[in-house]
Amino acid sequence: MIATTTILAGLYAFLDVHKEDIASKIIASASYDILKKSLDFSALKRKLGSFFKKENDSENFVEALCNKQITADAEITQEVKQVYEEISGQKFDDQILKVVNEWLSDSKGAIENLNIVNNTGNSGGFNIGSQNAGRNIFNIQGDYKRDKE
């Protein structure tokens, strides 16, 4: 089986000294909708704006980097180039990769904090709740009534 990851996770792993870091795995498994709640993509989209003719294409590009799956043996820069050219219809500029890599470096702390698990809900990371009971827990929704016997 060929392992897959997202383009953004692959770029981060390339920049990161520890390629098997948990943050890379979280980025790979999280969708753009989840990541944009924890990471500030506004600076990246603003810096990428000059590379696109349409205003919302920089957001579409960032979203594609977060969601598009690649195989482990794929060349990351080629994947970025392909995504850019599909969205913009323009020839790829190597400065785009530089902008993305700078944003990843600047956001490294926030990315690493994605793996903080906290039940209080304000960590900026992914929140996982836990539940303990001494007996079975029945989660019944709707208007439940026992049948009359």
C-alpha atoms as a PDB file:
ATOM      1  CA  MET A   1       0.000   0.000   0.000  1.00  0.00           C
ATOM      2  CA  ILE A   2       1.318   3.437  -0.943  1.00  0.00           C
ATOM      3  CA  ALA A   3       1.164   5.976   1.865  1.00  0.00           C
ATOM      4  CA  THR A   4      -0.508   9.285   1.046  1.00  0.00           C
ATOM      5  CA  THR A   5      -0.305  12.724   2.561  1.00  0.00           C
ATOM      6  CA  THR A   6      -1.417  16.232   1.666  1.00  0.00           C
ATOM      7  CA  ILE A   7       0.792  18.687  -0.166  1.00  0.00           C
ATOM      8  CA  LEU A   8       0.909  21.019   2.844  1.00  0.00           C
ATOM      9  CA  ALA A   9       1.948  18.158   5.145  1.00  0.00           C
ATOM     10  CA  GLY A  10       4.616  17.097   2.679  1.00  0.00           C
ATOM     11  CA  LEU A  11       6.039  20.613   2.495  1.00  0.00           C
ATOM     12  CA  TYR A  12       6.029  20.859   6.276  1.00  0.00           C
ATOM     13  CA  ALA A  13       7.759  17.485   6.632  1.00  0.00           C
ATOM     14  CA  PHE A  14      10.391  18.593   4.146  1.00  0.00           C
ATOM     15  CA  LEU A  15      11.098  21.748   6.142  1.00  0.00           C
ATOM     16  CA  ASP A  16      10.940  20.008   9.492  1.00  0.00           C
ATOM     17  CA  VAL A  17      14.035  18.310  10.863  1.00  0.00           C
ATOM     18  CA  HIS A  18      11.933  15.424  12.188  1.00  0.00           C
ATOM     19  CA  LYS A  19      10.028  14.196   9.151  1.00  0.00           C
ATOM     20  CA  GLU A  20       7.934  11.833  11.260  1.00  0.00           C
ATOM     21  CA  ASP A  21       6.767  14.592  13.591  1.00  0.00           C
ATOM     22  CA  ILE A  22       3.208  14.324  14.879  1.00  0.00           C
ATOM     23  CA  ALA A  23       2.371  17.791  13.540  1.00  0.00           C
ATOM     24  CA  SER A  24       2.991  16.590   9.977  1.00  0.00           C
ATOM     25  CA  LYS A  25       0.638  13.684  10.533  1.00  0.00           C
ATOM     26  CA  ILE A  26      -2.057  15.946  11.964  1.00  0.00           C
ATOM     27  CA  ILE A  27      -1.779  18.308   8.997  1.00  0.00           C
ATOM     28  CA  ALA A  28      -2.038  15.344   6.638  1.00  0.00           C
ATOM     29  CA  SER A  29      -5.195  14.012   8.242  1.00  0.00           C
ATOM     30  CA  ALA A  30      -6.985  17.323   8.818  1.00  0.00           C
ATOM     31  CA  SER A  31      -9.054  19.010   6.149  1.00  0.00           C
ATOM     32  CA  TYR A  32      -8.771  22.675   5.230  1.00  0.00           C
ATOM     33  CA  ASP A  33     -12.000  23.416   7.115  1.00  0.00           C
ATOM     34  CA  ILE A  34     -10.470  22.047  10.311  1.00  0.00           C
ATOM     35  CA  LEU A  35      -7.041  23.609   9.789  1.00  0.00           C
ATOM     36  CA  LYS A  36      -8.407  27.101   9.108  1.00  0.00           C
ATOM     37  CA  LYS A  37     -10.016  27.049  12.571  1.00  0.00           C
ATOM     38  CA  SER A  38      -6.598  26.508  14.163  1.00  0.00           C
ATOM     39  CA  LEU A  39      -4.146  28.196  11.779  1.00  0.00           C
ATOM     40  CA  ASP A  40      -4.142  31.755  10.457  1.00  0.00           C
ATOM     41  CA  PHE A  41      -3.933  31.424   6.681  1.00  0.00           C
ATOM     42  CA  SER A  42      -4.694  35.114   6.067  1.00  0.00           C
ATOM     43  CA  ALA A  43      -1.031  36.179   5.777  1.00  0.00           C
ATOM     44  CA  LEU A  44      -0.310  33.332   3.365  1.00  0.00           C
ATOM     45  CA  LYS A  45      -3.344  34.136   1.205  1.00  0.00           C
ATOM     46  CA  ARG A  46      -2.432  37.837   1.217  1.00  0.00           C
ATOM     47  CA  LYS A  47       1.156  37.122   0.132  1.00  0.00           C
ATOM     48  CA  LEU A  48      -0.021  34.719  -2.564  1.00  0.00           C
ATOM     49  CA  GLY A  49      -2.621  37.175  -3.857  1.00  0.00           C
ATOM     50  CA  SER A  50      -0.213  38.840  -6.270  1.00  0.00           C
ATOM     51  CA  PHE A  51       0.354  35.517  -8.060  1.00  0.00           C
ATOM     52  CA  PHE A  52      -3.319  35.171  -9.012  1.00  0.00           C
ATOM     53  CA  LYS A  53      -5.624  37.180 -11.275  1.00  0.00           C
ATOM     54  CA  LYS A  54      -8.789  36.355  -9.313  1.00  0.00           C
ATOM     55  CA  GLU A  55      -9.070  37.389  -5.678  1.00  0.00           C
ATOM     56  CA  ASN A  56     -10.418  34.084  -4.341  1.00  0.00           C
ATOM     57  CA  ASP A  57      -7.873  31.921  -6.208  1.00  0.00           C
ATOM     58  CA  SER A  58      -5.290  32.310  -3.439  1.00  0.00           C
ATOM     59  CA  GLU A  59      -7.795  30.789  -1.007  1.00  0.00           C
ATOM     60  CA  ASN A  60      -8.598  28.012  -3.489  1.00  0.00           C
ATOM     61  CA  PHE A  61      -4.867  27.351  -3.830  1.00  0.00           C
ATOM     62  CA  VAL A  62      -4.319  27.134  -0.057  1.00  0.00           C
ATOM     63  CA  GLU A  63      -7.366  24.898   0.290  1.00  0.00           C
ATOM     64  CA  ALA A  64      -6.036  22.585  -2.438  1.00  0.00           C
ATOM     65  CA  LEU A  65      -2.640  22.390  -0.708  1.00  0.00           C
ATOM     66  CA  CYS A  66      -4.407  21.312   2.467  1.00  0.00           C
ATOM     67  CA  ASN A  67      -6.764  18.794   0.872  1.00  0.00           C
ATOM     68  CA  LYS A  68      -5.065  17.287  -2.186  1.00  0.00           C
ATOM     69  CA  GLN A  69      -3.608  13.862  -1.491  1.00  0.00           C
ATOM     70  CA  ILE A  70      -0.225  12.873  -2.918  1.00  0.00           C
ATOM     71  CA  THR A  71       1.656   9.599  -2.828  1.00  0.00           C
ATOM     72  CA  ALA A  72       4.809   9.227  -0.772  1.00  0.00           C
ATOM     73  CA  ASP A  73       7.028   9.082  -3.861  1.00  0.00           C
ATOM     74  CA  ALA A  74       5.566  12.198  -5.518  1.00  0.00           C
ATOM     75  CA  GLU A  75       7.751  15.272  -5.974  1.00  0.00           C
ATOM     76  CA  ILE A  76       6.247  17.937  -3.711  1.00  0.00           C
ATOM     77  CA  THR A  77       7.331  20.908  -5.819  1.00  0.00           C
ATOM     78  CA  GLN A  78       5.747  19.357  -8.916  1.00  0.00           C
ATOM     79  CA  GLU A  79       2.494  18.877  -7.004  1.00  0.00           C
ATOM     80  CA  VAL A  80       2.506  22.544  -5.907  1.00  0.00           C
ATOM     81  CA  LYS A  81       3.241  23.626  -9.480  1.00  0.00           C
ATOM     82  CA  GLN A  82       0.411  21.489 -10.860  1.00  0.00           C
ATOM     83  CA  VAL A  83      -2.120  22.802  -8.334  1.00  0.00           C
ATOM     84  CA  TYR A  84      -1.102  26.403  -9.015  1.00  0.00           C
ATOM     85  CA  GLU A  85      -1.336  26.055 -12.791  1.00  0.00           C
ATOM     86  CA  GLU A  86      -4.732  24.299 -12.585  1.00  0.00           C
ATOM     87  CA  ILE A  87      -6.204  27.042 -10.393  1.00  0.00           C
ATOM     88  CA  SER A  88      -4.588  30.096 -11.964  1.00  0.00           C
ATOM     89  CA  GLY A  89      -4.173  29.045 -15.584  1.00  0.00           C
ATOM     90  CA  GLN A  90      -0.759  30.718 -15.446  1.00  0.00           C
ATOM     91  CA  LYS A  91       2.839  29.509 -15.560  1.00  0.00           C
ATOM     92  CA  PHE A  92       4.266  28.603 -12.149  1.00  0.00           C
ATOM     93  CA  ASP A  93       6.584  31.114 -10.454  1.00  0.00           C
ATOM     94  CA  ASP A  94       9.206  29.600  -8.118  1.00  0.00           C
ATOM     95  CA  GLN A  95       8.584  32.477  -5.685  1.00  0.00           C
ATOM     96  CA  ILE A  96       5.255  30.839  -4.800  1.00  0.00           C
ATOM     97  CA  LEU A  97       7.040  27.915  -3.184  1.00  0.00           C
ATOM     98  CA  LYS A  98       9.278  30.362  -1.322  1.00  0.00           C
ATOM     99  CA  VAL A  99       6.227  32.221   0.049  1.00  0.00           C
ATOM    100  CA  VAL A 100       4.569  28.975   1.187  1.00  0.00           C
ATOM    101  CA  ASN A 101       7.765  27.721   2.827  1.00  0.00           C
ATOM    102  CA  GLU A 102       8.293  31.045   4.631  1.00  0.00           C
ATOM    103  CA  TRP A 103       4.713  30.906   5.945  1.00  0.00           C
ATOM    104  CA  LEU A 104       5.254  27.322   7.127  1.00  0.00           C
ATOM    105  CA  SER A 105       8.439  28.375   8.939  1.00  0.00           C
ATOM    106  CA  ASP A 106       6.715  31.380  10.506  1.00  0.00           C
ATOM    107  CA  SER A 107       3.747  29.207  11.521  1.00  0.00           C
ATOM    108  CA  LYS A 108       5.797  26.302  12.865  1.00  0.00           C
ATOM    109  CA  GLY A 109       4.826  26.987  16.477  1.00  0.00           C
ATOM    110  CA  ALA A 110       1.108  27.108  15.664  1.00  0.00           C
ATOM    111  CA  ILE A 111       1.411  23.954  13.578  1.00  0.00           C
ATOM    112  CA  GLU A 112       3.191  22.109  16.362  1.00  0.00           C
ATOM    113  CA  ASN A 113       0.446  23.204  18.783  1.00  0.00           C
ATOM    114  CA  LEU A 114      -2.154  21.409  16.660  1.00  0.00           C
ATOM    115  CA  ASN A 115      -1.312  18.252  18.588  1.00  0.00           C
ATOM    116  CA  ILE A 116      -2.233  19.723  21.984  1.00  0.00           C
ATOM    117  CA  VAL A 117      -5.204  17.848  23.347  1.00  0.00           C
ATOM    118  CA  ASN A 118      -7.293  19.716  25.858  1.00  0.00           C
ATOM    119  CA  ASN A 119     -10.796  19.158  27.177  1.00  0.00           C
ATOM    120  CA  THR A 120     -11.359  22.836  27.981  1.00  0.00           C
ATOM    121  CA  GLY A 121     -11.802  23.880  24.359  1.00  0.00           C
ATOM    122  CA  ASN A 122      -9.504  26.912  24.128  1.00  0.00           C
ATOM    123  CA  SER A 123      -6.112  25.393  23.314  1.00  0.00           C
ATOM    124  CA  GLY A 124      -6.202  26.103  19.592  1.00  0.00           C
ATOM    125  CA  GLY A 125      -5.597  22.380  19.087  1.00  0.00           C
ATOM    126  CA  PHE A 126      -7.929  19.521  18.422  1.00  0.00           C
ATOM    127  CA  ASN A 127     -10.247  18.904  21.351  1.00  0.00           C
ATOM    128  CA  ILE A 128     -11.018  15.361  22.297  1.00  0.00           C
ATOM    129  CA  GLY A 129     -13.498  14.719  25.071  1.00  0.00           C
ATOM    130  CA  SER A 130     -13.625  11.655  27.251  1.00  0.00           C
ATOM    131  CA  GLN A 131     -16.430   9.960  29.071  1.00  0.00           C
ATOM    132  CA  ASN A 132     -16.347   7.409  31.860  1.00  0.00           C
ATOM    133  CA  ALA A 133     -19.223   5.505  33.380  1.00  0.00           C
ATOM    134  CA  GLY A 134     -19.636   2.585  35.721  1.00  0.00           C
ATOM    135  CA  ARG A 135     -22.536   1.327  33.630  1.00  0.00           C
ATOM    136  CA  ASN A 136     -23.636   1.210  30.018  1.00  0.00           C
ATOM    137  CA  ILE A 137     -24.341   4.530  28.343  1.00  0.00           C
ATOM    138  CA  PHE A 138     -27.355   4.622  26.068  1.00  0.00           C
ATOM    139  CA  ASN A 139     -27.448   7.530  23.668  1.00  0.00           C
ATOM    140  CA  ILE A 140     -30.986   7.612  22.340  1.00  0.00           C
ATOM    141  CA  GLN A 141     -32.178  10.579  20.334  1.00  0.00           C
ATOM    142  CA  GLY A 142     -35.706  11.529  19.498  1.00  0.00           C
ATOM    143  CA  ASP A 143     -38.951  10.717  21.225  1.00  0.00           C
ATOM    144  CA  TYR A 144     -38.221   7.319  22.738  1.00  0.00           C
ATOM    145  CA  LYS A 145     -41.105   5.451  24.313  1.00  0.00           C
ATOM    146  CA  ARG A 146     -41.203   1.847  25.298  1.00  0.00           C
ATOM    147  CA  ASP A 147     -43.715  -0.275  23.450  1.00  0.00           C
ATOM    148  CA  LYS A 148     -46.760  -1.050  25.522  1.00  0.00           C
ATOM    149  CA  GLU A 149     -46.880  -4.663  26.598  1.00  0.00           C
END
